[in-house]
N, C-alpha and C. Protein backbone atom coordinates (compact mmCIF):
# COMPACT_ATOMS: atom_id res chain seq x y z
N UNK A 1 -22.48 -24.38 -10.44
CA UNK A 1 -21.46 -24.05 -9.66
C UNK A 1 -20.30 -23.71 -10.56
N UNK A 2 -19.92 -22.61 -10.27
CA UNK A 2 -18.90 -21.90 -11.03
C UNK A 2 -17.39 -22.14 -10.53
N UNK A 3 -16.59 -21.89 -10.95
CA UNK A 3 -15.08 -21.97 -10.24
C UNK A 3 -14.95 -21.78 -8.90
N UNK A 4 -13.96 -22.64 -8.48
CA UNK A 4 -13.60 -22.56 -7.28
C UNK A 4 -12.18 -21.89 -7.20
N UNK A 5 -11.84 -20.64 -6.54
CA UNK A 5 -10.63 -20.17 -6.46
C UNK A 5 -9.85 -20.59 -5.16
N UNK A 6 -8.51 -21.02 -5.57
CA UNK A 6 -7.52 -21.32 -4.31
C UNK A 6 -6.38 -20.45 -4.40
N UNK A 7 -6.00 -19.79 -3.05
CA UNK A 7 -4.95 -18.76 -3.46
C UNK A 7 -3.80 -19.34 -2.43
N UNK A 8 -2.79 -19.85 -3.08
CA UNK A 8 -1.59 -20.27 -2.23
C UNK A 8 -0.32 -19.28 -2.06
N UNK A 9 -0.74 -17.87 -3.05
CA UNK A 9 0.16 -17.04 -3.10
C UNK A 9 1.25 -16.35 -2.04
N UNK A 10 0.41 -16.35 -0.73
CA UNK A 10 1.17 -15.57 0.27
C UNK A 10 2.00 -16.57 0.90
N UNK A 11 1.96 -18.09 0.45
CA UNK A 11 2.82 -18.83 1.02
C UNK A 11 3.66 -19.47 0.09
N UNK A 12 3.41 -19.88 -1.11
CA UNK A 12 3.85 -20.59 -2.45
C UNK A 12 3.37 -20.00 -3.45
N UNK A 13 4.84 -19.80 -4.49
CA UNK A 13 4.40 -19.41 -5.55
C UNK A 13 4.71 -20.34 -6.59
N UNK A 14 3.85 -20.89 -7.47
CA UNK A 14 3.86 -22.09 -8.24
C UNK A 14 4.46 -21.54 -9.69
N UNK A 15 5.44 -22.31 -10.22
CA UNK A 15 6.23 -21.95 -11.37
C UNK A 15 5.06 -22.49 -12.56
N UNK A 16 5.43 -22.05 -13.91
CA UNK A 16 5.04 -22.84 -14.79
C UNK A 16 4.93 -24.13 -14.98
N UNK A 17 6.34 -24.68 -14.52
CA UNK A 17 6.61 -26.21 -14.79
C UNK A 17 6.07 -26.84 -13.50
N UNK A 18 5.84 -26.43 -12.42
CA UNK A 18 5.05 -26.90 -11.31
C UNK A 18 3.60 -27.04 -11.61
N UNK A 19 2.89 -25.75 -12.05
CA UNK A 19 1.44 -25.77 -12.35
C UNK A 19 1.17 -27.19 -13.31
N UNK A 20 2.24 -26.96 -14.68
CA UNK A 20 2.14 -28.19 -15.47
C UNK A 20 2.16 -29.33 -15.05
N UNK A 21 2.90 -29.74 -14.03
CA UNK A 21 3.14 -31.02 -13.46
C UNK A 21 1.62 -31.31 -12.30
N UNK A 22 1.33 -30.44 -11.76
CA UNK A 22 0.17 -30.33 -11.10
C UNK A 22 -1.12 -30.80 -11.81
N UNK A 23 -1.16 -30.06 -12.84
CA UNK A 23 -2.13 -30.60 -13.96
C UNK A 23 -2.23 -32.14 -14.24
N UNK A 24 -0.93 -32.31 -14.33
CA UNK A 24 -0.78 -33.75 -14.83
C UNK A 24 -1.19 -34.71 -14.00
N UNK A 25 -0.73 -34.56 -12.82
CA UNK A 25 -0.86 -35.65 -11.71
C UNK A 25 -2.45 -35.61 -11.03
N UNK A 26 -3.18 -34.45 -11.67
CA UNK A 26 -4.26 -34.39 -11.13
C UNK A 26 -5.47 -34.14 -12.44
N UNK A 27 -5.21 -35.33 -13.63
CA UNK A 27 -5.73 -35.09 -14.60
C UNK A 27 -7.08 -35.29 -14.77
N UNK A 28 -7.77 -35.52 -13.62
CA UNK A 28 -9.18 -35.46 -13.73
C UNK A 28 -9.75 -34.20 -13.41
N UNK A 29 -9.00 -33.31 -12.81
CA UNK A 29 -9.26 -31.83 -12.14
C UNK A 29 -8.98 -30.78 -13.37
N UNK A 30 -9.92 -30.03 -13.88
CA UNK A 30 -9.63 -28.93 -14.51
C UNK A 30 -9.13 -27.75 -13.93
N UNK A 31 -7.97 -27.38 -14.14
CA UNK A 31 -7.44 -26.04 -13.56
C UNK A 31 -7.02 -24.92 -14.45
N UNK A 32 -7.34 -23.71 -13.98
CA UNK A 32 -6.43 -22.72 -14.72
C UNK A 32 -5.86 -21.86 -13.57
N UNK A 33 -5.03 -20.90 -13.93
CA UNK A 33 -4.43 -20.02 -13.03
C UNK A 33 -4.63 -18.50 -13.43
N UNK A 34 -4.96 -17.66 -12.82
CA UNK A 34 -5.21 -16.30 -12.73
C UNK A 34 -3.68 -15.58 -12.90
N UNK A 35 -3.60 -14.59 -13.52
CA UNK A 35 -2.36 -13.77 -13.77
C UNK A 35 -1.79 -13.30 -11.87
N UNK A 36 -2.45 -13.69 -10.95
CA UNK A 36 -2.03 -13.17 -9.57
C UNK A 36 -1.45 -14.25 -9.04
N UNK A 37 -1.51 -15.60 -9.87
CA UNK A 37 -1.01 -16.88 -9.36
C UNK A 37 -2.02 -17.75 -8.65
N UNK A 38 -3.20 -17.18 -8.41
CA UNK A 38 -4.40 -18.21 -7.65
C UNK A 38 -5.02 -19.13 -8.71
N UNK A 39 -4.99 -20.34 -7.99
CA UNK A 39 -5.58 -21.33 -8.89
C UNK A 39 -7.29 -21.47 -9.15
N UNK A 40 -7.65 -21.67 -10.22
CA UNK A 40 -8.94 -21.83 -10.53
C UNK A 40 -9.37 -23.51 -10.57
N UNK A 41 -10.27 -24.11 -9.69
CA UNK A 41 -10.73 -25.68 -10.08
C UNK A 41 -12.02 -25.10 -10.75
N UNK A 42 -12.13 -25.82 -11.88
CA UNK A 42 -13.02 -25.52 -13.01
C UNK A 42 -14.27 -26.70 -12.86
N UNK A 43 -15.40 -26.60 -12.64
CA UNK A 43 -15.97 -27.87 -12.68
C UNK A 43 -16.23 -28.32 -13.84
N UNK A 44 -16.64 -29.73 -13.92
CA UNK A 44 -16.48 -30.54 -15.25
C UNK A 44 -18.29 -30.30 -15.52
N UNK A 45 -18.25 -30.40 -16.86
CA UNK A 45 -19.54 -30.04 -17.64
C UNK A 45 -20.34 -31.16 -17.91
N UNK A 46 -21.54 -31.06 -18.10
CA UNK A 46 -22.46 -32.18 -18.31
C UNK A 46 -22.52 -32.68 -20.06
N UNK A 47 -23.35 -33.56 -20.18
CA UNK A 47 -23.14 -34.23 -21.34
C UNK A 47 -23.60 -33.56 -22.53
N UNK A 48 -24.72 -32.63 -22.44
CA UNK A 48 -25.06 -31.68 -23.29
C UNK A 48 -24.00 -30.84 -23.87
N UNK A 49 -23.48 -29.99 -22.64
CA UNK A 49 -22.41 -28.84 -22.88
C UNK A 49 -21.20 -29.75 -23.78
N UNK A 50 -20.66 -30.70 -23.19
CA UNK A 50 -19.67 -31.60 -23.88
C UNK A 50 -19.90 -31.88 -25.11
N UNK A 51 -21.14 -32.43 -25.59
CA UNK A 51 -21.60 -32.70 -27.02
C UNK A 51 -21.47 -31.21 -27.92
N UNK A 52 -21.81 -30.26 -27.32
CA UNK A 52 -21.83 -29.09 -28.17
C UNK A 52 -20.48 -28.62 -28.49
N UNK A 53 -19.75 -28.75 -27.57
CA UNK A 53 -18.13 -28.37 -27.48
C UNK A 53 -17.58 -29.23 -28.66
N UNK A 54 -17.72 -30.74 -28.73
CA UNK A 54 -17.27 -31.66 -29.61
C UNK A 54 -17.89 -31.15 -30.92
N UNK A 55 -19.00 -30.66 -31.13
CA UNK A 55 -19.65 -30.14 -32.53
C UNK A 55 -18.78 -28.94 -33.06
N UNK A 56 -18.59 -28.04 -31.69
CA UNK A 56 -17.56 -26.72 -32.63
C UNK A 56 -16.17 -27.21 -32.81
N UNK A 57 -15.94 -28.33 -31.93
CA UNK A 57 -14.36 -28.43 -32.27
C UNK A 57 -14.19 -29.25 -33.64
N UNK A 58 -15.19 -30.13 -33.98
CA UNK A 58 -15.17 -30.91 -35.30
C UNK A 58 -15.39 -29.86 -36.52
N UNK A 59 -15.99 -28.80 -36.35
CA UNK A 59 -16.34 -28.17 -37.29
C UNK A 59 -15.04 -27.28 -37.80
N UNK A 60 -14.05 -26.77 -36.57
CA UNK A 60 -13.08 -26.03 -36.76
C UNK A 60 -12.14 -27.01 -37.18
N UNK A 61 -11.95 -28.00 -36.85
CA UNK A 61 -10.96 -29.02 -37.14
C UNK A 61 -11.28 -29.41 -38.59
N UNK A 62 -12.21 -29.60 -39.19
CA UNK A 62 -12.22 -30.01 -40.48
C UNK A 62 -12.19 -28.78 -41.48
N UNK A 63 -12.19 -27.44 -40.76
CA UNK A 63 -11.59 -26.27 -41.86
C UNK A 63 -10.30 -26.40 -41.89
N UNK A 64 -9.83 -26.40 -40.36
CA UNK A 64 -8.50 -26.31 -40.37
C UNK A 64 -7.40 -27.37 -41.11
N UNK A 65 -8.03 -28.64 -41.10
CA UNK A 65 -7.49 -29.50 -41.94
C UNK A 65 -7.29 -29.21 -43.30
N UNK A 66 -8.42 -28.74 -43.98
CA UNK A 66 -8.53 -28.54 -45.30
C UNK A 66 -7.65 -27.06 -45.69
N UNK A 67 -7.62 -25.93 -44.92
CA UNK A 67 -7.07 -24.86 -45.02
C UNK A 67 -5.30 -24.85 -44.58
N UNK A 68 -5.15 -25.69 -43.44
CA UNK A 68 -3.84 -25.79 -43.00
C UNK A 68 -3.13 -24.83 -42.87
N UNK A 69 -3.72 -23.52 -42.20
CA UNK A 69 -2.96 -22.37 -41.70
C UNK A 69 -2.65 -22.02 -40.26
N UNK A 70 -2.94 -23.17 -39.42
CA UNK A 70 -2.95 -23.10 -38.25
C UNK A 70 -3.13 -24.29 -37.50
N UNK A 71 -3.21 -24.31 -36.12
CA UNK A 71 -3.34 -25.50 -35.25
C UNK A 71 -4.91 -25.01 -34.37
N UNK A 72 -5.28 -26.08 -34.30
CA UNK A 72 -6.74 -26.13 -33.70
C UNK A 72 -6.53 -26.86 -32.33
N UNK A 73 -7.26 -26.20 -31.32
CA UNK A 73 -6.98 -26.91 -30.00
C UNK A 73 -8.40 -27.21 -29.49
N UNK A 74 -8.77 -28.38 -28.66
CA UNK A 74 -9.87 -28.66 -27.90
C UNK A 74 -9.83 -28.10 -26.72
N UNK A 75 -10.57 -28.63 -25.83
CA UNK A 75 -10.84 -27.53 -24.47
C UNK A 75 -10.00 -28.20 -23.62
N UNK A 76 -8.87 -29.30 -23.82
CA UNK A 76 -7.78 -29.50 -22.61
C UNK A 76 -6.79 -28.87 -22.68
N UNK A 77 -6.46 -28.06 -23.57
CA UNK A 77 -4.90 -27.57 -23.68
C UNK A 77 -4.96 -26.30 -22.78
N UNK A 78 -3.83 -25.90 -21.87
CA UNK A 78 -3.57 -24.64 -21.46
C UNK A 78 -2.49 -23.73 -22.29
N UNK A 79 -2.88 -22.47 -22.15
CA UNK A 79 -2.14 -21.58 -22.75
C UNK A 79 -1.59 -20.57 -21.66
N UNK A 80 -0.40 -20.60 -21.80
CA UNK A 80 0.42 -19.33 -20.76
C UNK A 80 0.34 -18.26 -21.27
N UNK A 81 -0.53 -17.06 -20.92
CA UNK A 81 -0.60 -15.73 -21.60
C UNK A 81 0.39 -15.01 -21.27
N UNK A 82 0.92 -13.87 -21.95
CA UNK A 82 1.86 -12.99 -21.59
C UNK A 82 1.45 -12.40 -20.17
N UNK A 83 0.19 -12.27 -19.44
CA UNK A 83 0.36 -11.66 -18.27
C UNK A 83 0.49 -12.86 -17.27
N UNK A 84 0.78 -14.12 -17.54
CA UNK A 84 1.27 -15.13 -16.72
C UNK A 84 0.03 -16.11 -16.31
N UNK A 85 -1.43 -15.47 -16.94
CA UNK A 85 -2.44 -16.32 -16.45
C UNK A 85 -2.20 -17.86 -17.38
N UNK A 86 -2.71 -18.89 -16.85
CA UNK A 86 -2.97 -20.01 -17.76
C UNK A 86 -4.30 -20.14 -18.15
N UNK A 87 -4.87 -20.14 -19.21
CA UNK A 87 -6.13 -20.13 -19.65
C UNK A 87 -6.37 -21.40 -20.63
N UNK A 88 -7.75 -22.25 -20.52
CA UNK A 88 -7.93 -22.96 -21.11
C UNK A 88 -9.39 -22.99 -21.88
N UNK A 89 -9.20 -22.14 -23.14
CA UNK A 89 -10.70 -22.18 -23.56
C UNK A 89 -11.29 -23.30 -24.13
N UNK A 90 -12.63 -23.18 -24.58
CA UNK A 90 -13.40 -24.60 -24.92
C UNK A 90 -12.82 -24.88 -26.07
N UNK A 91 -12.67 -23.87 -27.14
CA UNK A 91 -11.87 -24.32 -28.57
C UNK A 91 -10.95 -22.99 -28.97
N UNK A 92 -10.04 -23.24 -29.47
CA UNK A 92 -9.02 -22.07 -29.82
C UNK A 92 -8.19 -22.34 -31.25
N UNK A 93 -7.55 -21.66 -31.77
CA UNK A 93 -6.97 -21.78 -32.84
C UNK A 93 -5.84 -20.80 -32.69
N UNK A 94 -4.50 -21.19 -33.55
CA UNK A 94 -3.24 -20.55 -33.53
C UNK A 94 -2.74 -20.63 -35.04
N UNK A 95 -2.50 -19.48 -35.49
CA UNK A 95 -1.51 -19.30 -36.60
C UNK A 95 -0.26 -20.35 -36.55
N UNK A 96 -0.14 -20.89 -37.80
CA UNK A 96 0.83 -21.87 -37.68
C UNK A 96 2.38 -21.07 -37.50
N UNK A 97 2.62 -19.82 -38.06
CA UNK A 97 3.90 -19.40 -37.59
C UNK A 97 4.28 -19.07 -36.13
N UNK A 98 3.05 -18.74 -35.45
CA UNK A 98 3.33 -18.82 -34.06
C UNK A 98 3.64 -20.14 -33.61
N UNK A 99 2.62 -21.20 -33.94
CA UNK A 99 3.24 -22.58 -33.39
C UNK A 99 4.54 -22.81 -33.70
N UNK A 100 5.13 -22.85 -34.98
CA UNK A 100 6.29 -22.98 -35.30
C UNK A 100 7.59 -22.50 -34.50
N UNK A 101 7.24 -21.24 -34.22
CA UNK A 101 7.91 -20.51 -33.29
C UNK A 101 8.44 -21.19 -32.13
N UNK A 102 7.80 -21.77 -31.59
CA UNK A 102 7.62 -22.63 -30.19
C UNK A 102 8.84 -23.74 -30.23
N UNK A 103 9.53 -23.89 -29.36
CA UNK A 103 10.01 -25.10 -29.05
C UNK A 103 9.32 -26.54 -28.63
N UNK A 104 10.06 -27.68 -29.18
CA UNK A 104 9.19 -28.88 -28.79
C UNK A 104 8.58 -28.79 -27.41
N UNK A 105 9.44 -28.49 -26.25
CA UNK A 105 9.13 -28.49 -25.02
C UNK A 105 7.68 -27.65 -24.70
N UNK A 106 7.96 -26.46 -25.39
CA UNK A 106 6.85 -25.67 -25.19
C UNK A 106 5.57 -26.16 -25.80
N UNK A 107 5.77 -27.06 -26.73
CA UNK A 107 4.54 -27.49 -27.58
C UNK A 107 3.65 -28.61 -26.69
N UNK A 108 4.75 -29.30 -26.22
CA UNK A 108 4.29 -30.68 -25.43
C UNK A 108 3.85 -30.09 -24.10
N UNK A 109 4.17 -28.81 -23.29
CA UNK A 109 3.72 -28.47 -22.18
C UNK A 109 2.56 -27.63 -22.37
N UNK A 110 2.63 -26.67 -21.51
CA UNK A 110 1.52 -25.67 -21.93
C UNK A 110 2.36 -24.23 -22.83
N UNK A 111 1.73 -24.46 -24.09
CA UNK A 111 2.22 -23.22 -24.81
C UNK A 111 2.23 -21.88 -24.61
N UNK A 112 3.37 -21.30 -24.41
CA UNK A 112 3.41 -19.79 -23.77
C UNK A 112 3.01 -18.80 -24.87
N UNK A 113 1.72 -18.94 -25.14
CA UNK A 113 1.30 -18.01 -26.48
C UNK A 113 -0.14 -17.99 -26.24
N UNK A 114 -0.74 -16.74 -26.74
CA UNK A 114 -2.33 -16.48 -26.85
C UNK A 114 -2.83 -17.09 -28.10
N UNK A 115 -3.85 -17.67 -27.99
CA UNK A 115 -4.42 -18.06 -29.10
C UNK A 115 -5.03 -16.79 -30.04
N UNK A 116 -5.05 -16.86 -31.31
CA UNK A 116 -5.76 -16.11 -31.98
C UNK A 116 -7.02 -15.80 -32.26
N UNK A 117 -7.62 -16.98 -32.02
CA UNK A 117 -9.09 -17.09 -32.10
C UNK A 117 -9.46 -18.12 -30.99
N UNK A 118 -10.60 -17.90 -30.28
CA UNK A 118 -10.86 -18.87 -29.29
C UNK A 118 -12.63 -18.90 -29.20
N UNK A 119 -12.99 -19.92 -28.46
CA UNK A 119 -14.69 -19.73 -27.97
C UNK A 119 -14.64 -20.19 -26.66
N UNK A 120 -15.37 -19.63 -25.95
CA UNK A 120 -15.71 -19.96 -24.58
C UNK A 120 -17.31 -20.26 -24.68
N UNK A 121 -17.68 -21.45 -24.09
CA UNK A 121 -19.30 -21.71 -23.92
C UNK A 121 -19.51 -21.52 -22.52
N UNK A 122 -21.05 -20.90 -22.46
CA UNK A 122 -21.52 -20.65 -20.97
C UNK A 122 -22.37 -21.54 -21.04
N UNK A 123 -22.25 -22.26 -20.00
CA UNK A 123 -23.38 -23.47 -19.63
C UNK A 123 -24.20 -22.82 -18.48
N UNK A 124 -25.00 -23.54 -17.76
CA UNK A 124 -25.78 -23.07 -16.83
C UNK A 124 -24.94 -22.93 -15.55
N UNK A 125 -23.80 -23.26 -15.46
CA UNK A 125 -23.38 -23.48 -14.25
C UNK A 125 -22.08 -22.39 -14.19
N UNK A 126 -21.97 -21.58 -15.46
CA UNK A 126 -20.90 -20.75 -15.52
C UNK A 126 -21.35 -19.28 -15.19
N UNK A 127 -20.42 -18.51 -14.69
CA UNK A 127 -20.73 -17.05 -14.12
C UNK A 127 -20.54 -16.28 -15.44
N UNK A 128 -21.43 -15.70 -16.03
CA UNK A 128 -21.29 -14.63 -17.35
C UNK A 128 -19.97 -13.46 -17.26
N UNK A 129 -20.27 -12.85 -16.23
CA UNK A 129 -19.23 -12.05 -15.63
C UNK A 129 -17.76 -12.39 -15.53
N UNK A 130 -17.42 -13.48 -15.03
CA UNK A 130 -16.30 -14.23 -15.18
C UNK A 130 -15.84 -14.80 -16.55
N UNK A 131 -16.75 -15.22 -17.19
CA UNK A 131 -16.43 -15.39 -18.81
C UNK A 131 -16.14 -14.10 -19.56
N UNK A 132 -16.83 -13.17 -19.31
CA UNK A 132 -16.53 -12.14 -20.10
C UNK A 132 -15.20 -11.14 -19.74
N UNK A 133 -14.97 -11.49 -18.27
CA UNK A 133 -13.69 -10.77 -17.81
C UNK A 133 -12.54 -11.76 -18.66
N UNK A 134 -12.83 -13.09 -18.69
CA UNK A 134 -11.83 -13.90 -19.32
C UNK A 134 -11.74 -13.50 -21.07
N UNK A 135 -12.78 -12.96 -21.34
CA UNK A 135 -12.31 -12.65 -23.01
C UNK A 135 -11.76 -11.56 -23.08
N UNK A 136 -12.32 -10.71 -22.15
CA UNK A 136 -11.30 -9.41 -22.22
C UNK A 136 -10.22 -9.44 -21.92
N UNK A 137 -9.51 -10.53 -21.06
CA UNK A 137 -7.99 -10.80 -20.58
C UNK A 137 -7.41 -11.32 -21.91
N UNK A 138 -8.24 -12.22 -22.76
CA UNK A 138 -7.63 -13.11 -23.93
C UNK A 138 -7.26 -11.56 -24.83
N UNK A 139 -8.28 -10.54 -25.14
CA UNK A 139 -7.81 -9.84 -25.87
C UNK A 139 -6.64 -9.02 -25.46
N UNK A 140 -6.67 -8.48 -24.21
CA UNK A 140 -5.59 -7.80 -23.73
C UNK A 140 -4.16 -8.44 -23.83
N UNK A 141 -4.39 -9.82 -24.01
CA UNK A 141 -2.92 -10.90 -24.44
C UNK A 141 -2.62 -11.49 -25.52
N UNK A 142 -3.72 -10.71 -26.59
CA UNK A 142 -3.50 -10.92 -27.99
C UNK A 142 -4.43 -11.71 -28.87
N UNK A 143 -5.31 -12.18 -28.13
CA UNK A 143 -6.23 -12.76 -28.99
C UNK A 143 -6.93 -11.54 -30.08
N UNK A 144 -7.07 -12.27 -31.30
CA UNK A 144 -7.62 -11.15 -32.34
C UNK A 144 -9.23 -11.15 -32.38
N UNK A 145 -9.90 -12.35 -32.33
CA UNK A 145 -11.33 -12.65 -32.49
C UNK A 145 -11.76 -13.86 -31.41
N UNK A 146 -12.78 -13.66 -30.60
CA UNK A 146 -13.14 -14.57 -29.60
C UNK A 146 -14.71 -14.30 -29.68
N UNK A 147 -15.26 -15.67 -29.42
CA UNK A 147 -16.78 -15.80 -29.36
C UNK A 147 -17.26 -16.58 -28.08
N UNK A 148 -18.05 -15.49 -27.47
CA UNK A 148 -18.50 -16.06 -26.10
C UNK A 148 -20.14 -16.82 -26.36
N UNK A 149 -20.19 -18.04 -26.29
CA UNK A 149 -21.51 -18.51 -26.81
C UNK A 149 -22.23 -18.90 -25.36
N UNK A 150 -23.47 -18.00 -25.31
CA UNK A 150 -24.31 -18.43 -24.07
C UNK A 150 -25.41 -19.55 -24.61
N UNK A 151 -25.09 -20.74 -24.09
CA UNK A 151 -26.02 -21.71 -24.70
C UNK A 151 -27.43 -21.49 -24.12
N UNK A 152 -27.75 -21.31 -23.07
CA UNK A 152 -29.11 -20.91 -22.35
C UNK A 152 -29.80 -19.89 -23.13
N UNK A 153 -29.50 -18.66 -23.53
CA UNK A 153 -30.23 -17.55 -23.91
C UNK A 153 -29.77 -17.53 -25.43
N UNK A 154 -29.08 -18.60 -25.84
CA UNK A 154 -29.03 -18.55 -27.48
C UNK A 154 -28.17 -17.19 -27.90
N UNK A 155 -27.37 -16.75 -27.27
CA UNK A 155 -26.52 -15.59 -27.48
C UNK A 155 -25.23 -15.56 -27.63
N UNK A 156 -24.53 -14.80 -28.58
CA UNK A 156 -23.28 -14.80 -28.83
C UNK A 156 -22.47 -13.28 -28.70
N UNK A 157 -21.68 -13.21 -27.93
CA UNK A 157 -20.71 -11.87 -27.83
C UNK A 157 -19.69 -12.29 -28.87
N UNK A 158 -19.45 -11.29 -29.72
CA UNK A 158 -18.35 -11.42 -30.49
C UNK A 158 -17.16 -10.11 -30.06
N UNK A 159 -16.15 -10.98 -29.92
CA UNK A 159 -15.02 -9.95 -29.38
C UNK A 159 -14.01 -9.70 -30.39
N UNK A 160 -14.10 -8.67 -31.11
CA UNK A 160 -13.12 -8.24 -32.25
C UNK A 160 -12.11 -7.25 -31.33
N UNK A 161 -11.04 -7.48 -30.87
CA UNK A 161 -10.22 -6.77 -29.78
C UNK A 161 -9.72 -5.48 -30.82
N UNK A 162 -10.03 -4.35 -29.62
CA UNK A 162 -10.03 -3.30 -30.07
C UNK A 162 -11.04 -2.46 -30.70
N UNK A 163 -12.49 -3.09 -30.53
CA UNK A 163 -13.54 -2.79 -30.77
C UNK A 163 -14.79 -2.99 -29.84
N UNK A 164 -15.88 -2.36 -30.09
CA UNK A 164 -17.06 -2.90 -29.08
C UNK A 164 -17.41 -4.16 -29.26
N UNK A 165 -17.60 -4.79 -28.17
CA UNK A 165 -18.37 -6.24 -28.35
C UNK A 165 -19.57 -6.12 -28.97
N UNK A 166 -19.74 -7.09 -30.26
CA UNK A 166 -21.08 -7.26 -30.90
C UNK A 166 -21.97 -8.30 -30.28
N UNK A 167 -23.40 -8.21 -30.09
CA UNK A 167 -24.13 -9.15 -29.50
C UNK A 167 -25.19 -9.82 -30.47
N UNK A 168 -25.25 -10.89 -30.70
CA UNK A 168 -26.26 -11.41 -31.70
C UNK A 168 -27.03 -12.58 -31.16
N UNK A 169 -28.58 -12.47 -31.35
CA UNK A 169 -29.27 -13.52 -30.55
C UNK A 169 -29.58 -14.67 -31.81
N UNK A 170 -29.31 -15.85 -31.18
CA UNK A 170 -29.65 -16.78 -32.13
C UNK A 170 -29.02 -17.04 -33.42
N UNK A 171 -27.83 -16.67 -33.92
CA UNK A 171 -27.45 -16.74 -35.24
C UNK A 171 -27.31 -18.05 -35.62
N UNK A 172 -27.71 -18.11 -37.04
CA UNK A 172 -27.71 -19.41 -37.71
C UNK A 172 -26.28 -19.92 -38.20
N UNK A 173 -25.32 -18.83 -38.10
CA UNK A 173 -24.00 -19.12 -38.20
C UNK A 173 -23.26 -18.08 -37.86
N UNK A 174 -21.78 -18.00 -38.15
CA UNK A 174 -20.78 -16.95 -37.80
C UNK A 174 -19.81 -17.18 -38.82
N UNK A 175 -19.25 -16.14 -39.12
CA UNK A 175 -17.73 -16.22 -39.75
C UNK A 175 -16.91 -15.88 -39.03
N UNK A 176 -15.77 -16.79 -39.51
CA UNK A 176 -14.24 -16.55 -38.93
C UNK A 176 -13.48 -15.22 -39.65
N UNK A 177 -14.04 -14.65 -40.07
CA UNK A 177 -14.20 -13.17 -40.69
C UNK A 177 -12.33 -13.50 -41.29
N UNK A 178 -11.58 -12.52 -41.05
CA UNK A 178 -10.22 -12.52 -41.88
C UNK A 178 -9.23 -13.16 -40.74
N UNK A 179 -9.57 -13.53 -39.74
CA UNK A 179 -8.69 -14.27 -38.99
C UNK A 179 -8.59 -15.97 -39.05
N UNK A 180 -10.03 -16.33 -39.53
CA UNK A 180 -10.08 -17.73 -39.88
C UNK A 180 -10.73 -17.77 -41.48
N UNK A 181 -9.93 -17.11 -42.53
CA UNK A 181 -10.76 -17.00 -43.63
C UNK A 181 -11.46 -18.10 -44.28
N UNK A 182 -12.59 -17.99 -44.65
CA UNK A 182 -13.44 -19.26 -45.04
C UNK A 182 -14.26 -20.16 -43.98
N UNK A 183 -13.65 -19.93 -42.81
CA UNK A 183 -14.37 -20.56 -41.74
C UNK A 183 -15.90 -20.07 -41.38
N UNK A 184 -16.76 -20.83 -41.70
CA UNK A 184 -18.06 -20.59 -40.98
C UNK A 184 -18.89 -21.54 -40.00
N UNK A 185 -19.17 -21.34 -38.89
CA UNK A 185 -19.51 -21.91 -37.87
C UNK A 185 -21.20 -22.10 -38.00
N UNK A 186 -21.50 -23.27 -38.09
CA UNK A 186 -23.05 -23.50 -38.18
C UNK A 186 -23.43 -23.95 -36.95
N UNK A 187 -24.49 -23.31 -36.36
CA UNK A 187 -25.17 -23.26 -35.25
C UNK A 187 -26.20 -24.57 -34.86
N UNK A 188 -26.58 -25.15 -36.26
CA UNK A 188 -27.81 -26.25 -36.34
C UNK A 188 -27.51 -27.30 -34.98
N UNK A 189 -26.26 -27.59 -34.93
CA UNK A 189 -26.14 -28.93 -33.62
C UNK A 189 -25.48 -28.26 -32.44
N UNK A 190 -25.66 -26.73 -32.23
CA UNK A 190 -25.12 -26.19 -31.49
C UNK A 190 -26.00 -25.82 -30.22
N UNK A 191 -27.23 -25.30 -31.07
CA UNK A 191 -28.27 -24.63 -30.12
C UNK A 191 -29.45 -26.01 -29.90
């Protein structure tokens, strides 16, 4: 089952603050908001996908702790993108100077910034086209490097924005390139 879309926009415009409160009140429901104001209810993932996501997050977290170049985020953060959409990638990272520029309130709520790096995991319940569109949206809003990892077919689409998408079959590892210098994601516990 892919995301369910709800359109309140003909009747109600939900502000960033109201959307944040809606997410807090309904903490067991995963929401995203499209740039046009429609809401997406995201299905919960199964145990295997969640475990793979935890492995990704742990690898980035260890690298980030050692390098201290930015802030790493898991799958439960929402970012307000410049186009007004609120997205929650499975894994993301933001340069420290961008994080430090935010107010304390912005850090505590949904940060109004686009991550520099992110990962989206595609499980068997996700629509590939929807995830590819999200990856393009991230790039259009400032993400510099993104990986769309298709768990079912062991494929990675690498989005280096301003360039063509590169597709890899069953890579053993991926480099964070110049965005995450020295970071290498090992796929041993992901596939």
